[in-house]
Amino acid sequence: MTISKPVFDRLGFGLWIGAFLVVLALVLWSPHKRTVWQAYIDGSVALQAGLPLYDTQSEMGYLYAPAFAALYTPIVKLGPHLGGLVWHSIGFAVLTYAAMRQVRKLGGGELTWLLSFGLFLALPMAVGAIRNGQATILLTGACWILTLSALEGRRAETFFWASLAIIAKPTAIIMLLLVGALRLRLIPVLVLALLFVLALPYAFAPAGYLNDQYRVFIQMLTSMAVDNTSHFVPTDFTAPFTTIGLPIPEFGATIVRMVMALFTLSAVIWFDRRLEQGKAALAIFLTATFYMCVFNPRVEPNTFAMIAVPAGLAIALLWREERGGVLASVLSTTLFVTGLSGVERHVHDFLFPWFRPVAVTFIAGSLIWWFWAKAREKVVNAGVANG
């Protein structure tokens, strides 16, 4: 192993936990600074008061399903300090548990090193979203465990994590569609989870009021998918072209997203059929998060936190399987440095918004190619053995 195993056996995981403890200290010191907590509070307060949840004239503010406002109410009741601690801890715990469960699923040797080194590489890109208390962290962990549970055929777990993922962010529907395509027998469970999330707010607010909010919510999601407003700057695959003065027309961007959706579906089906289950789960989730980060029209810099940990673990797996090498070294450096690109303001201003989609495309594309090569190698070896 080229990377010193004794060093990273504990260092990466220690830094991961240490960074989170620093985040908790910052939350206690200033709960409303550098956080999206206020948007969640506004949604919960509006739901309780029967006020409009959404402002269709603004691309910011509360952008989540009514169920999120309903379930976030107890956290609001705890106050800014204790509530902030609870909210940050839930998201961080779910994501960390998902990474640990994935590593156990991979099996083999050096599992402690695999987890620790993967989290070390992911930390710079993930820590901003963790600090902000963004639902992206909870979404990532819930979607990841949903993938693992579905591939293992665990119906109750699939229902729970699918429900939590949808509540965290509407973009979770992408993961539900992929999981449904991979495990057709779980489609009723996924549909039930979606219906449960839609029905849940009716236990907290009048039906007529919620019907109106759902109509506005659907209109808002549709408009965000086809309209780039003046204040929101997307950092999806269109950003590099916009930066150099060659913006992609919305119709062309939609075609690209549809083509990449078909590629994503084909890739995850291939991985599910050709790779052993542990590697398949990681490859599937990495491919899904790549699509959700780069081809989602509502991508912002902290959205890339979704791919940070799965990419970190995949690079660590590459190190273990290939015993280092140029590709592993380049991808490790690229992921770590990409996460640091927003630390210094002048560097951030120069690299925003084009750099992260380019860097993540290189990282994810290389890892997806490597997983595809491993699957091909397995197929060839099986053919030789059978011959």
Protein backbone atom coordinates (compact mmCIF):
# COMPACT_ATOMS: atom_id res chain seq x y z
CA MET A 1 0.00 0.00 0.00
CA THR A 2 1.59 3.26 -1.12
CA ILE A 3 -0.31 5.40 1.41
CA SER A 4 1.00 4.68 4.90
CA LYS A 5 -1.56 2.33 6.36
CA PRO A 6 -0.81 2.93 10.07
CA VAL A 7 -1.20 6.69 9.53
CA PHE A 8 -4.55 6.62 7.78
CA ASP A 9 -6.07 3.79 9.79
CA ARG A 10 -7.21 6.38 12.33
CA LEU A 11 -6.26 9.81 10.98
CA GLY A 12 -9.02 10.20 8.40
CA PHE A 13 -11.84 9.05 10.66
CA GLY A 14 -10.43 11.15 13.50
CA LEU A 15 -10.39 14.25 11.30
CA TRP A 16 -13.93 13.47 10.13
CA ILE A 17 -15.22 13.34 13.71
CA GLY A 18 -13.04 16.25 14.80
CA ALA A 19 -14.35 18.48 12.01
CA PHE A 20 -17.92 17.66 13.02
CA LEU A 21 -17.20 18.55 16.66
CA VAL A 22 -15.86 21.90 15.46
CA VAL A 23 -19.09 22.36 13.48
CA LEU A 24 -21.15 21.68 16.61
CA ALA A 25 -19.10 24.24 18.53
CA LEU A 26 -19.75 26.81 15.79
CA VAL A 27 -23.47 26.00 15.89
CA LEU A 28 -23.55 26.65 19.62
CA TRP A 29 -21.54 29.85 19.21
CA SER A 30 -23.58 31.26 16.32
CA PRO A 31 -26.49 29.03 15.26
CA HIS A 32 -27.75 31.30 12.47
CA LYS A 33 -24.42 32.11 10.82
CA ARG A 34 -23.51 30.26 7.61
CA THR A 35 -26.55 28.02 7.76
CA VAL A 36 -29.76 27.33 5.84
CA TRP A 37 -31.56 26.70 9.12
CA GLN A 38 -33.70 29.83 8.76
CA ALA A 39 -35.34 28.53 5.58
CA TYR A 40 -36.35 25.35 7.41
CA ILE A 41 -37.71 27.37 10.32
CA ASP A 42 -39.73 29.59 7.98
CA GLY A 43 -41.28 26.53 6.36
CA SER A 44 -42.26 24.95 9.67
CA VAL A 45 -43.68 28.20 11.07
CA ALA A 46 -45.66 28.81 7.86
CA LEU A 47 -47.13 25.30 7.96
CA GLN A 48 -48.26 25.70 11.57
CA ALA A 49 -49.80 29.10 10.85
CA GLY A 50 -51.46 28.05 7.58
CA LEU A 51 -49.40 30.56 5.59
CA PRO A 52 -47.96 30.01 2.08
CA LEU A 53 -44.87 27.80 2.14
CA TYR A 54 -43.47 28.90 -1.20
CA ASP A 55 -42.60 32.17 -2.87
CA THR A 56 -42.88 31.55 -6.60
CA GLN A 57 -41.18 34.90 -7.31
CA SER A 58 -37.99 33.78 -5.58
CA GLU A 59 -35.63 30.94 -6.37
CA MET A 60 -34.42 30.82 -2.77
CA GLY A 61 -36.14 30.20 0.57
CA TYR A 62 -38.16 27.09 1.42
CA LEU A 63 -37.86 24.64 -1.51
CA TYR A 64 -38.84 21.34 0.12
CA ALA A 65 -41.92 19.17 0.30
CA PRO A 66 -44.58 20.01 2.93
CA ALA A 67 -43.59 16.84 4.81
CA PHE A 68 -40.19 18.37 5.55
CA ALA A 69 -41.83 21.34 7.28
CA ALA A 70 -44.04 18.99 9.29
CA LEU A 71 -41.21 16.79 10.56
CA TYR A 72 -38.87 19.71 11.16
CA THR A 73 -41.32 21.32 13.61
CA PRO A 74 -40.04 19.43 16.71
CA ILE A 75 -36.50 20.61 15.93
CA VAL A 76 -37.74 24.21 15.72
CA LYS A 77 -39.38 23.76 19.13
CA LEU A 78 -35.99 22.86 20.62
CA GLY A 79 -34.65 26.32 19.87
CA PRO A 80 -31.73 27.50 17.73
CA HIS A 81 -28.95 25.98 19.84
CA LEU A 82 -30.28 22.55 20.82
CA GLY A 83 -32.29 22.28 17.61
CA GLY A 84 -29.20 23.10 15.56
CA LEU A 85 -27.19 20.43 17.37
CA VAL A 86 -29.89 17.81 16.80
CA TRP A 87 -30.35 18.66 13.11
CA HIS A 88 -26.63 18.67 12.30
CA SER A 89 -26.13 15.44 14.27
CA ILE A 90 -28.93 13.60 12.44
CA GLY A 91 -27.55 14.33 8.98
CA PHE A 92 -23.95 13.61 9.95
CA ALA A 93 -24.86 10.37 11.74
CA VAL A 94 -26.90 9.05 8.80
CA LEU A 95 -24.13 9.81 6.29
CA THR A 96 -21.41 8.32 8.48
CA TYR A 97 -23.48 5.19 9.11
CA ALA A 98 -24.07 4.83 5.36
CA ALA A 99 -20.32 4.99 4.69
CA MET A 100 -19.57 2.42 7.42
CA ARG A 101 -22.27 0.08 6.14
CA GLN A 102 -20.91 0.39 2.60
CA VAL A 103 -17.37 -0.44 3.75
CA ARG A 104 -18.58 -3.53 5.59
CA LYS A 105 -20.41 -4.56 2.42
CA LEU A 106 -17.20 -4.25 0.38
CA GLY A 107 -15.46 -6.78 2.61
CA GLY A 108 -11.88 -7.88 2.15
CA GLY A 109 -8.94 -6.56 4.10
CA GLU A 110 -8.01 -3.15 5.47
CA LEU A 111 -11.60 -2.05 6.07
CA THR A 112 -10.59 0.47 8.73
CA TRP A 113 -8.08 2.03 6.35
CA LEU A 114 -10.65 2.01 3.55
CA LEU A 115 -13.19 3.98 5.60
CA SER A 116 -10.66 6.34 7.14
CA PHE A 117 -8.84 7.22 3.92
CA GLY A 118 -12.13 7.63 2.02
CA LEU A 119 -13.50 10.04 4.63
CA PHE A 120 -10.21 11.95 4.65
CA LEU A 121 -10.44 12.54 0.91
CA ALA A 122 -14.13 13.52 1.14
CA LEU A 123 -13.84 15.90 4.08
CA PRO A 124 -12.91 19.16 2.27
CA MET A 125 -15.82 18.84 -0.18
CA ALA A 126 -18.37 17.67 2.40
CA VAL A 127 -17.58 19.92 5.36
CA GLY A 128 -19.19 23.05 3.87
CA ALA A 129 -22.60 21.40 3.53
CA ILE A 130 -22.21 19.83 6.97
CA ARG A 131 -21.43 23.24 8.47
CA ASN A 132 -24.42 24.83 6.74
CA GLY A 133 -26.74 22.13 8.04
CA GLN A 134 -27.99 21.45 4.53
CA ALA A 135 -30.52 18.70 3.89
CA THR A 136 -28.13 17.46 1.19
CA ILE A 137 -26.20 15.59 3.89
CA LEU A 138 -29.29 13.76 5.12
CA LEU A 139 -30.36 13.15 1.51
CA THR A 140 -27.01 11.56 0.68
CA GLY A 141 -27.01 9.22 3.65
CA ALA A 142 -30.66 8.22 3.19
CA CYS A 143 -30.27 7.56 -0.56
CA TRP A 144 -27.10 5.53 0.07
CA ILE A 145 -28.70 3.31 2.70
CA LEU A 146 -31.78 3.04 0.48
CA THR A 147 -29.54 1.66 -2.28
CA LEU A 148 -27.90 -0.86 0.04
CA SER A 149 -31.23 -1.95 1.57
CA ALA A 150 -32.93 -2.34 -1.81
CA LEU A 151 -30.10 -4.39 -3.29
CA GLU A 152 -30.32 -6.67 -0.25
CA GLY A 153 -34.11 -6.96 -0.67
CA ARG A 154 -34.97 -5.45 2.73
CA ARG A 155 -38.49 -4.13 2.22
CA ALA A 156 -39.04 -2.39 5.57
CA GLU A 157 -35.68 -0.65 5.43
CA THR A 158 -36.29 0.33 1.82
CA PHE A 159 -39.61 1.93 2.78
CA PHE A 160 -38.09 3.86 5.69
CA TRP A 161 -35.04 5.20 3.87
CA ALA A 162 -37.01 5.99 0.71
CA SER A 163 -39.46 8.02 2.80
CA LEU A 164 -36.67 9.86 4.60
CA ALA A 165 -34.85 10.59 1.35
CA ILE A 166 -37.96 12.10 -0.27
CA ILE A 167 -38.63 14.21 2.81
CA ALA A 168 -35.03 15.47 2.77
CA LYS A 169 -35.19 16.66 -0.85
CA PRO A 170 -37.47 16.06 -3.85
CA THR A 171 -34.45 15.09 -6.00
CA ALA A 172 -34.50 11.75 -4.18
CA ILE A 173 -37.05 10.67 -6.79
CA ILE A 174 -34.09 10.03 -9.12
CA MET A 175 -32.74 7.44 -6.70
CA LEU A 176 -36.18 5.87 -6.29
CA LEU A 177 -36.53 5.49 -10.06
CA LEU A 178 -33.12 3.82 -10.34
CA VAL A 179 -33.80 1.48 -7.42
CA GLY A 180 -37.19 0.59 -8.90
CA ALA A 181 -35.53 -0.26 -12.23
CA LEU A 182 -33.01 -2.49 -10.47
CA ARG A 183 -35.50 -4.25 -8.19
CA LEU A 184 -38.91 -4.37 -9.87
CA ARG A 185 -40.44 -6.25 -6.95
CA LEU A 186 -39.74 -3.25 -4.70
CA ILE A 187 -41.71 -0.81 -6.86
CA PRO A 188 -44.85 -1.17 -4.66
CA VAL A 189 -42.74 -0.39 -1.59
CA LEU A 190 -41.26 2.71 -3.24
CA VAL A 191 -44.69 3.91 -4.40
CA LEU A 192 -46.03 3.37 -0.89
CA ALA A 193 -43.15 5.44 0.53
CA LEU A 194 -43.93 8.27 -1.90
CA LEU A 195 -47.63 8.20 -1.02
CA PHE A 196 -46.79 8.13 2.69
CA VAL A 197 -44.65 11.27 2.37
CA LEU A 198 -47.36 13.04 0.38
CA ALA A 199 -50.03 12.11 2.95
CA LEU A 200 -47.98 12.79 6.07
CA PRO A 201 -48.54 16.59 6.25
CA TYR A 202 -52.31 16.12 6.30
CA ALA A 203 -51.93 15.02 9.92
CA PHE A 204 -50.59 18.49 10.74
CA ALA A 205 -52.60 20.92 8.58
CA PRO A 206 -56.03 21.26 6.87
CA ALA A 207 -56.54 19.41 3.59
CA GLY A 208 -57.60 22.46 1.58
CA TYR A 209 -54.54 24.42 2.62
CA LEU A 210 -52.19 21.54 1.79
CA ASN A 211 -53.83 20.93 -1.58
CA ASP A 212 -53.03 24.53 -2.50
CA GLN A 213 -49.44 24.17 -1.26
CA TYR A 214 -48.90 21.03 -3.33
CA ARG A 215 -50.14 22.82 -6.45
CA VAL A 216 -47.65 25.63 -5.88
CA PHE A 217 -44.91 23.14 -5.02
CA ILE A 218 -45.35 21.29 -8.33
CA GLN A 219 -45.41 24.57 -10.25
CA MET A 220 -42.24 25.68 -8.49
CA LEU A 221 -40.38 22.46 -9.29
CA THR A 222 -41.42 22.70 -12.94
CA SER A 223 -40.33 26.33 -13.26
CA MET A 224 -36.98 25.67 -11.58
CA ALA A 225 -36.26 22.88 -14.05
CA VAL A 226 -36.72 25.11 -17.09
CA ASP A 227 -35.88 28.63 -15.93
CA ASN A 228 -32.55 29.98 -14.72
CA THR A 229 -33.36 33.05 -12.64
CA SER A 230 -31.12 36.06 -12.28
CA HIS A 231 -29.93 35.37 -8.74
CA PHE A 232 -29.38 31.63 -8.77
CA VAL A 233 -26.23 30.55 -10.62
CA PRO A 234 -26.36 26.83 -11.54
CA THR A 235 -23.12 24.87 -11.28
CA ASP A 236 -24.23 21.91 -13.36
CA PHE A 237 -22.70 20.78 -16.66
CA THR A 238 -23.87 23.97 -18.38
CA ALA A 239 -21.72 26.20 -16.15
CA PRO A 240 -18.39 25.76 -18.02
CA PHE A 241 -20.07 26.63 -21.33
CA THR A 242 -21.78 29.67 -19.83
CA THR A 243 -18.46 30.83 -18.37
CA ILE A 244 -16.75 30.89 -21.76
CA GLY A 245 -19.69 32.67 -23.36
CA LEU A 246 -21.31 29.69 -25.07
CA PRO A 247 -24.47 29.05 -23.04
CA ILE A 248 -26.36 25.87 -23.89
CA PRO A 249 -30.01 26.47 -24.89
CA GLU A 250 -32.50 25.00 -22.42
CA PHE A 251 -33.83 22.55 -25.01
CA GLY A 252 -30.31 21.29 -25.71
CA ALA A 253 -29.56 20.99 -21.99
CA THR A 254 -32.74 18.96 -21.52
CA ILE A 255 -31.70 16.57 -24.30
CA VAL A 256 -28.28 16.12 -22.65
CA ARG A 257 -29.93 15.39 -19.30
CA MET A 258 -32.21 12.79 -20.91
CA VAL A 259 -29.30 11.09 -22.69
CA MET A 260 -27.27 11.01 -19.46
CA ALA A 261 -30.28 9.62 -17.61
CA LEU A 262 -30.36 6.70 -20.05
CA PHE A 263 -26.60 6.25 -19.65
CA THR A 264 -26.98 6.28 -15.85
CA LEU A 265 -29.74 3.67 -15.99
CA SER A 266 -27.71 1.45 -18.32
CA ALA A 267 -24.60 1.76 -16.16
CA VAL A 268 -26.31 0.88 -12.87
CA ILE A 269 -28.02 -2.14 -14.45
CA TRP A 270 -24.65 -3.29 -15.80
CA PHE A 271 -22.97 -2.88 -12.39
CA ASP A 272 -25.82 -4.68 -10.63
CA ARG A 273 -25.51 -7.69 -12.93
CA ARG A 274 -21.74 -7.88 -13.34
CA LEU A 275 -20.12 -6.77 -10.08
CA GLU A 276 -20.19 -8.50 -6.72
CA GLN A 277 -22.82 -6.95 -4.47
CA GLY A 278 -20.57 -4.74 -2.33
CA LYS A 279 -18.77 -3.12 -5.26
CA ALA A 280 -22.00 -2.96 -7.23
CA ALA A 281 -23.71 -0.91 -4.51
CA LEU A 282 -20.85 1.59 -4.40
CA ALA A 283 -20.63 1.83 -8.19
CA ILE A 284 -24.41 2.28 -8.48
CA PHE A 285 -24.58 5.01 -5.86
CA LEU A 286 -21.52 6.79 -7.24
CA THR A 287 -23.07 6.82 -10.71
CA ALA A 288 -26.40 8.08 -9.34
CA THR A 289 -24.79 10.89 -7.34
CA PHE A 290 -22.75 11.89 -10.37
CA TYR A 291 -25.98 12.39 -12.30
CA MET A 292 -27.66 14.18 -9.39
CA CYS A 293 -24.71 16.57 -8.98
CA VAL A 294 -23.78 17.36 -12.58
CA PHE A 295 -27.07 17.02 -14.49
CA ASN A 296 -29.54 18.42 -11.97
CA PRO A 297 -30.58 21.98 -13.01
CA ARG A 298 -30.67 23.11 -9.34
CA VAL A 299 -27.02 22.32 -8.57
CA GLU A 300 -25.08 24.69 -6.32
CA PRO A 301 -21.48 24.29 -5.00
CA ASN A 302 -22.50 22.47 -1.80
CA THR A 303 -24.63 20.00 -3.79
CA PHE A 304 -21.36 18.30 -4.73
CA ALA A 305 -21.12 17.13 -1.12
CA MET A 306 -23.39 14.30 -2.29
CA ILE A 307 -20.60 12.68 -4.30
CA ALA A 308 -17.75 13.45 -1.89
CA VAL A 309 -17.95 10.39 0.38
CA PRO A 310 -18.89 7.75 -2.23
CA ALA A 311 -16.09 9.08 -4.46
CA GLY A 312 -13.67 9.03 -1.53
CA LEU A 313 -14.51 5.42 -0.71
CA ALA A 314 -14.30 4.43 -4.39
CA ILE A 315 -10.84 5.99 -4.65
CA ALA A 316 -9.78 4.21 -1.47
CA LEU A 317 -11.06 0.95 -2.98
CA LEU A 318 -9.06 1.71 -6.13
CA TRP A 319 -5.95 2.17 -3.98
CA ARG A 320 -6.59 -1.18 -2.26
CA GLU A 321 -7.35 -3.13 -5.42
CA GLU A 322 -4.60 -1.69 -7.62
CA ARG A 323 -2.02 -1.14 -4.86
CA GLY A 324 -1.73 2.55 -5.66
CA GLY A 325 -0.76 3.74 -9.12
CA VAL A 326 -0.99 6.93 -11.13
CA LEU A 327 -4.80 6.95 -11.49
CA ALA A 328 -5.38 6.52 -7.77
CA SER A 329 -2.88 9.26 -6.95
CA VAL A 330 -4.36 11.72 -9.45
CA LEU A 331 -7.95 11.08 -8.36
CA SER A 332 -7.06 11.36 -4.67
CA THR A 333 -5.37 14.70 -5.22
CA THR A 334 -8.13 16.01 -7.47
CA LEU A 335 -10.94 15.16 -5.03
CA PHE A 336 -9.10 16.65 -2.06
CA VAL A 337 -8.05 19.82 -3.88
CA THR A 338 -11.51 20.29 -5.42
CA GLY A 339 -12.95 20.42 -1.93
CA LEU A 340 -10.46 23.14 -0.99
CA SER A 341 -11.30 25.28 -4.02
CA GLY A 342 -13.79 27.37 -2.07
CA VAL A 343 -11.59 28.15 0.93
CA GLU A 344 -9.89 31.31 -0.42
CA ARG A 345 -12.25 33.92 -1.86
CA HIS A 346 -10.12 34.94 -4.84
CA VAL A 347 -9.62 31.32 -5.86
CA HIS A 348 -13.33 30.66 -5.38
CA ASP A 349 -14.28 33.65 -7.53
CA PHE A 350 -11.96 32.48 -10.30
CA LEU A 351 -13.18 28.86 -10.26
CA PHE A 352 -16.90 29.56 -9.74
CA PRO A 353 -19.11 28.18 -11.26
CA TRP A 354 -17.24 26.10 -13.85
CA PHE A 355 -14.58 24.19 -11.91
CA ARG A 356 -16.52 21.75 -9.73
CA PRO A 357 -18.64 20.17 -12.49
CA VAL A 358 -15.48 19.69 -14.59
CA ALA A 359 -13.48 18.19 -11.71
CA VAL A 360 -16.32 15.93 -10.54
CA THR A 361 -16.93 14.74 -14.10
CA PHE A 362 -13.27 13.76 -14.36
CA ILE A 363 -13.29 12.00 -10.98
CA ALA A 364 -16.62 10.20 -11.39
CA GLY A 365 -15.98 9.37 -15.05
CA SER A 366 -12.63 7.78 -14.19
CA LEU A 367 -14.11 5.77 -11.33
CA ILE A 368 -17.11 4.63 -13.38
CA TRP A 369 -14.69 3.52 -16.12
CA TRP A 370 -12.64 1.60 -13.53
CA PHE A 371 -15.73 -0.16 -12.16
CA TRP A 372 -16.76 -0.99 -15.74
CA ALA A 373 -13.28 -2.42 -16.41
CA LYS A 374 -13.49 -4.55 -13.24
CA ALA A 375 -16.89 -5.85 -14.35
CA ARG A 376 -15.51 -6.67 -17.81
CA GLU A 377 -12.56 -8.42 -16.23
CA LYS A 378 -14.92 -10.54 -14.14
CA VAL A 379 -16.96 -11.47 -17.23
CA VAL A 380 -13.83 -12.42 -19.20
CA ASN A 381 -12.43 -14.49 -16.35
CA ALA A 382 -15.75 -16.29 -15.95
CA GLY A 383 -15.80 -17.03 -19.69
CA VAL A 384 -12.27 -18.43 -19.56
CA ALA A 385 -13.13 -20.58 -16.55
CA ASN A 386 -16.24 -21.94 -18.24
CA GLY A 387 -14.33 -22.56 -21.47
